[in-house]
C-alpha atoms as a PDB file:
ATOM      1  CA  UNK A   1      15.294  13.447  -6.360  1.00  0.00           C
ATOM      2  CA  UNK A   2      12.474  10.723  -7.084  1.00  0.00           C
ATOM      3  CA  UNK A   3      11.075   9.412  -4.017  1.00  0.00           C
ATOM      4  CA  UNK A   4       8.062   6.828  -2.846  1.00  0.00           C
ATOM      5  CA  UNK A   5       7.861   5.375   0.890  1.00  0.00           C
ATOM      6  CA  UNK A   6       5.688   3.446   2.339  1.00  0.00           C
ATOM      7  CA  UNK A   7       3.788   5.151   5.273  1.00  0.00           C
ATOM      8  CA  UNK A   8       4.136   2.189   8.024  1.00  0.00           C
ATOM      9  CA  UNK A   9       8.040   1.881   7.000  1.00  0.00           C
ATOM     10  CA  UNK A  10       8.756   5.653   7.165  1.00  0.00           C
ATOM     11  CA  UNK A  11       8.281   5.788  10.967  1.00  0.00           C
ATOM     12  CA  UNK A  12       8.633   2.297  12.072  1.00  0.00           C
ATOM     13  CA  UNK A  13       9.712   2.380  15.338  1.00  0.00           C
ATOM     14  CA  UNK A  14       9.442  -0.032  18.216  1.00  0.00           C
ATOM     15  CA  UNK A  15       7.244   1.536  21.252  1.00  0.00           C
ATOM     16  CA  UNK A  16       9.191   1.823  24.004  1.00  0.00           C
ATOM     17  CA  UNK A  17       7.764   0.210  26.820  1.00  0.00           C
ATOM     18  CA  UNK A  18       7.916   1.432  30.424  1.00  0.00           C
ATOM     19  CA  UNK A  19       8.880  -1.796  32.088  1.00  0.00           C
ATOM     20  CA  UNK A  20      12.711  -3.516  31.394  1.00  0.00           C
ATOM     21  CA  UNK A  21      11.800  -6.916  32.039  1.00  0.00           C
ATOM     22  CA  UNK A  22       8.948  -7.140  30.174  1.00  0.00           C
ATOM     23  CA  UNK A  23      10.075  -9.610  27.914  1.00  0.00           C
ATOM     24  CA  UNK A  24       6.673 -10.701  26.669  1.00  0.00           C
ATOM     25  CA  UNK A  25       6.207  -7.401  25.626  1.00  0.00           C
ATOM     26  CA  UNK A  26       9.078  -6.271  23.507  1.00  0.00           C
ATOM     27  CA  UNK A  27       8.596  -9.741  21.659  1.00  0.00           C
ATOM     28  CA  UNK A  28       5.070  -8.914  20.861  1.00  0.00           C
ATOM     29  CA  UNK A  29       6.445  -5.523  19.310  1.00  0.00           C
ATOM     30  CA  UNK A  30       9.599  -7.004  17.635  1.00  0.00           C
ATOM     31  CA  UNK A  31       7.267  -9.671  15.983  1.00  0.00           C
ATOM     32  CA  UNK A  32       4.022  -7.469  14.805  1.00  0.00           C
ATOM     33  CA  UNK A  33       2.899  -7.739  11.098  1.00  0.00           C
ATOM     34  CA  UNK A  34       4.942  -4.205  10.189  1.00  0.00           C
ATOM     35  CA  UNK A  35       7.983  -6.225  10.414  1.00  0.00           C
ATOM     36  CA  UNK A  36       6.840  -9.672   9.553  1.00  0.00           C
ATOM     37  CA  UNK A  37       3.940  -9.893   7.452  1.00  0.00           C
ATOM     38  CA  UNK A  38       4.408 -13.079   6.094  1.00  0.00           C
ATOM     39  CA  UNK A  39       4.077 -14.510   9.346  1.00  0.00           C
ATOM     40  CA  UNK A  40       0.427 -13.574   9.822  1.00  0.00           C
ATOM     41  CA  UNK A  41      -1.649 -15.392   7.717  1.00  0.00           C
ATOM     42  CA  UNK A  42      -4.907 -13.469   8.279  1.00  0.00           C
ATOM     43  CA  UNK A  43      -2.979 -10.374   8.335  1.00  0.00           C
ATOM     44  CA  UNK A  44      -4.751  -7.375   7.206  1.00  0.00           C
ATOM     45  CA  UNK A  45      -2.050  -5.676   5.228  1.00  0.00           C
ATOM     46  CA  UNK A  46      -1.188  -6.656   1.809  1.00  0.00           C
ATOM     47  CA  UNK A  47       1.910  -7.351   0.002  1.00  0.00           C
ATOM     48  CA  UNK A  48       3.541  -4.683  -2.005  1.00  0.00           C
ATOM     49  CA  UNK A  49       6.411  -4.701  -4.268  1.00  0.00           C
ATOM     50  CA  UNK A  50       7.894  -1.028  -5.629  1.00  0.00           C
ATOM     51  CA  UNK A  51       9.538  -1.514  -8.997  1.00  0.00           C
ATOM     52  CA  UNK A  52      11.772   1.990 -10.399  1.00  0.00           C
ATOM     53  CA  UNK A  53      12.813   2.232 -13.457  1.00  0.00           C
ATOM     54  CA  UNK A  54      14.565   5.660 -15.464  1.00  0.00           C
ATOM     55  CA  UNK A  55      10.509   6.373 -16.854  1.00  0.00           C
ATOM     56  CA  UNK A  56       8.406   5.195 -13.366  1.00  0.00           C
ATOM     57  CA  UNK A  57       7.660   3.466 -10.287  1.00  0.00           C
ATOM     58  CA  UNK A  58       5.455   0.700 -10.837  1.00  0.00           C
ATOM     59  CA  UNK A  59       4.133  -0.572  -7.738  1.00  0.00           C
ATOM     60  CA  UNK A  60       2.553  -4.430  -7.291  1.00  0.00           C
ATOM     61  CA  UNK A  61      -0.136  -5.181  -4.841  1.00  0.00           C
ATOM     62  CA  UNK A  62      -1.117  -8.636  -4.540  1.00  0.00           C
ATOM     63  CA  UNK A  63      -4.647  -8.733  -3.940  1.00  0.00           C
ATOM     64  CA  UNK A  64      -6.179 -12.730  -4.102  1.00  0.00           C
ATOM     65  CA  UNK A  65      -9.904 -12.785  -4.150  1.00  0.00           C
ATOM     66  CA  UNK A  66     -10.576  -9.090  -4.493  1.00  0.00           C
ATOM     67  CA  UNK A  67     -12.884  -8.136  -7.538  1.00  0.00           C
ATOM     68  CA  UNK A  68     -11.894  -5.064  -8.753  1.00  0.00           C
ATOM     69  CA  UNK A  69     -15.332  -2.910  -7.504  1.00  0.00           C
ATOM     70  CA  UNK A  70     -14.093  -3.689  -3.797  1.00  0.00           C
ATOM     71  CA  UNK A  71     -10.495  -1.458  -4.561  1.00  0.00           C
ATOM     72  CA  UNK A  72     -10.074   2.248  -4.166  1.00  0.00           C
ATOM     73  CA  UNK A  73      -7.410   3.776  -5.669  1.00  0.00           C
ATOM     74  CA  UNK A  74      -6.827   7.895  -4.122  1.00  0.00           C
ATOM     75  CA  UNK A  75      -3.976  10.057  -4.777  1.00  0.00           C
ATOM     76  CA  UNK A  76      -4.023  13.418  -2.912  1.00  0.00           C
ATOM     77  CA  UNK A  77      -0.863  15.398  -2.962  1.00  0.00           C
ATOM     78  CA  UNK A  78       1.884  13.585  -2.434  1.00  0.00           C
ATOM     79  CA  UNK A  79      -0.117  10.557  -0.711  1.00  0.00           C
ATOM     80  CA  UNK A  80      -1.132   7.158  -2.964  1.00  0.00           C
ATOM     81  CA  UNK A  81      -4.008   5.125  -1.008  1.00  0.00           C
ATOM     82  CA  UNK A  82      -4.886   1.802  -2.064  1.00  0.00           C
ATOM     83  CA  UNK A  83      -8.006   0.494   0.049  1.00  0.00           C
ATOM     84  CA  UNK A  84     -10.163  -2.127  -0.110  1.00  0.00           C
ATOM     85  CA  UNK A  85     -13.192  -3.497   1.469  1.00  0.00           C
ATOM     86  CA  UNK A  86     -14.595  -6.926   0.855  1.00  0.00           C
ATOM     87  CA  UNK A  87     -18.271  -7.611   2.106  1.00  0.00           C
ATOM     88  CA  UNK A  88     -19.543 -11.594   2.100  1.00  0.00           C
ATOM     89  CA  UNK A  89     -22.518 -12.884   3.095  1.00  0.00           C
ATOM     90  CA  UNK A  90     -23.487 -16.699   2.539  1.00  0.00           C
ATOM     91  CA  UNK A  91     -26.881 -18.307   3.065  1.00  0.00           C
ATOM     92  CA  UNK A  92     -27.976 -21.505   3.559  1.00  0.00           C
ATOM     93  CA  UNK A  93     -31.092 -23.423   4.453  1.00  0.00           C
ATOM     94  CA  UNK A  94     -31.668 -26.926   4.133  1.00  0.00           C
ATOM     95  CA  UNK A  95     -34.250 -28.983   5.775  1.00  0.00           C
ATOM     96  CA  UNK A  96     -33.928 -28.395   9.686  1.00  0.00           C
ATOM     97  CA  UNK A  97     -31.432 -25.822   9.643  1.00  0.00           C
ATOM     98  CA  UNK A  98     -30.598 -21.980   8.522  1.00  0.00           C
ATOM     99  CA  UNK A  99     -26.902 -21.107   8.007  1.00  0.00           C
ATOM    100  CA  UNK A 100     -25.621 -17.410   7.337  1.00  0.00           C
ATOM    101  CA  UNK A 101     -22.300 -16.333   7.458  1.00  0.00           C
ATOM    102  CA  UNK A 102     -21.261 -13.005   6.936  1.00  0.00           C
ATOM    103  CA  UNK A 103     -17.441 -11.446   6.796  1.00  0.00           C
ATOM    104  CA  UNK A 104     -16.573  -8.239   6.291  1.00  0.00           C
ATOM    105  CA  UNK A 105     -12.390  -7.338   5.773  1.00  0.00           C
ATOM    106  CA  UNK A 106     -10.810  -3.769   5.193  1.00  0.00           C
ATOM    107  CA  UNK A 107      -6.791  -3.220   4.286  1.00  0.00           C
ATOM    108  CA  UNK A 108      -5.113  -0.202   3.502  1.00  0.00           C
ATOM    109  CA  UNK A 109      -1.806   0.940   2.341  1.00  0.00           C
ATOM    110  CA  UNK A 110      -0.312   4.515   1.814  1.00  0.00           C
ATOM    111  CA  UNK A 111       2.322   5.307   0.062  1.00  0.00           C
ATOM    112  CA  UNK A 112       4.445   8.602   0.319  1.00  0.00           C
ATOM    113  CA  UNK A 113       5.046  10.111  -3.496  1.00  0.00           C
ATOM    114  CA  UNK A 114       7.266  12.767  -5.026  1.00  0.00           C
ATOM    115  CA  UNK A 115       7.832  14.058  -8.310  1.00  0.00           C
ATOM    116  CA  UNK A 116       5.169  11.411 -10.103  1.00  0.00           C
ATOM    117  CA  UNK A 117       3.096  13.048 -12.948  1.00  0.00           C
ATOM    118  CA  UNK A 118      -0.251  12.502 -11.638  1.00  0.00           C
ATOM    119  CA  UNK A 119      -2.270  12.647 -14.585  1.00  0.00           C
ATOM    120  CA  UNK A 120      -0.415  10.285 -16.564  1.00  0.00           C
ATOM    121  CA  UNK A 121      -0.634   7.880 -13.315  1.00  0.00           C
ATOM    122  CA  UNK A 122      -3.025   4.480 -14.199  1.00  0.00           C
ATOM    123  CA  UNK A 123      -3.687   1.049 -12.823  1.00  0.00           C
ATOM    124  CA  UNK A 124      -4.684  -2.513 -14.081  1.00  0.00           C
ATOM    125  CA  UNK A 125      -5.834  -5.818 -11.972  1.00  0.00           C
ATOM    126  CA  UNK A 126      -5.474  -8.956 -13.101  1.00  0.00           C
ATOM    127  CA  UNK A 127      -5.121 -12.611 -11.585  1.00  0.00           C
ATOM    128  CA  UNK A 128      -5.239 -11.036  -8.140  1.00  0.00           C
ATOM    129  CA  UNK A 129      -2.626  -8.540  -8.886  1.00  0.00           C
ATOM    130  CA  UNK A 130      -3.155  -4.699  -9.034  1.00  0.00           C
ATOM    131  CA  UNK A 131      -0.439  -3.180 -10.788  1.00  0.00           C
ATOM    132  CA  UNK A 132       0.133   0.836 -10.076  1.00  0.00           C
ATOM    133  CA  UNK A 133       2.326   2.694 -13.097  1.00  0.00           C
ATOM    134  CA  UNK A 134       3.419   6.380 -11.464  1.00  0.00           C
ATOM    135  CA  UNK A 135       5.698   7.580 -14.199  1.00  0.00           C
ATOM    136  CA  UNK A 136       8.544  10.097 -13.306  1.00  0.00           C
ATOM    137  CA  UNK A 137       8.393  14.016 -13.802  1.00  0.00           C
ATOM    138  CA  UNK A 138      10.911  15.034 -16.328  1.00  0.00           C
ATOM    139  CA  UNK A 139      13.389  16.681 -14.396  1.00  0.00           C
ATOM    140  CA  UNK A 140      14.037  20.234 -15.320  1.00  0.00           C
ATOM    141  CA  UNK A 141      17.263  21.409 -16.822  1.00  0.00           C
ATOM    142  CA  UNK A 142      18.016  24.556 -15.911  1.00  0.00           C
ATOM    143  CA  UNK A 143      19.803  26.388 -18.904  1.00  0.00           C
ATOM    144  CA  UNK A 144      21.922  29.274 -18.951  1.00  0.00           C
ATOM    145  CA  UNK A 145      23.403  31.903 -20.674  1.00  0.00           C
ATOM    146  CA  UNK A 146      26.035  34.680 -20.347  1.00  0.00           C
ATOM    147  CA  UNK A 147      24.479  37.964 -20.490  1.00  0.00           C
ATOM    148  CA  UNK A 148      26.645  40.915 -22.246  1.00  0.00           C
ATOM    149  CA  UNK A 149      26.959  44.085 -20.612  1.00  0.00           C
ATOM    150  CA  UNK A 150      26.027  47.309 -22.603  1.00  0.00           C
END
């Protein structure tokens, strides 16, 4: 059986609240960015599409404004992790003032993968889209034969 599952979706259960009348808490948990990531403009979760064909899984991650050297892709056993760390610093000096701005952002996304040929996996990054190709392992057909009794 072939399978690929985003970690956040596999165990996504709305936490139970101790107060039944905590309406604010219920809506806050319901509309968090795990369920509705498009609603959060500054969400730290990357947008990912997963496609499956007979030969492979293809993961496409949207990473606008990210450079290739700011990302890391790791496969450990049955887990694929995409992580991004972006550091930015702007310094501007004019007549009577100095402006310095620094920002740091990080995001990580993990997927449970099974029956994938890790050695043949590859990735390419172009125009803010990361494409990871994960070839499936070929199913082993168990051949049987009849044994003659001596």
